[in-house]
């Protein structure tokens, strides 16, 4: 099986899961609460994305520093 297909299929499954959960949650809360939950999860996602990017940059900088130090020795 093609590795790209496996990764894409998993992505599609996450989209399906997200949609199903959204529908299920929407049946349990009123519109005001849904708005608050939506804003909360949006903020949570944005913060996770920011932390992921800054962590990747920091790790990349550490690797660059290690490579530079290794070349000087």
Foldseek 3Di string as FASTA:
>chain_A
DDPVVVVVVVVVVVVVVVVVVLVVVPVVDDPVVNVVVVVVVVVVVVVVVVVVVVVVVVVVVVVVVVVVVVVVD
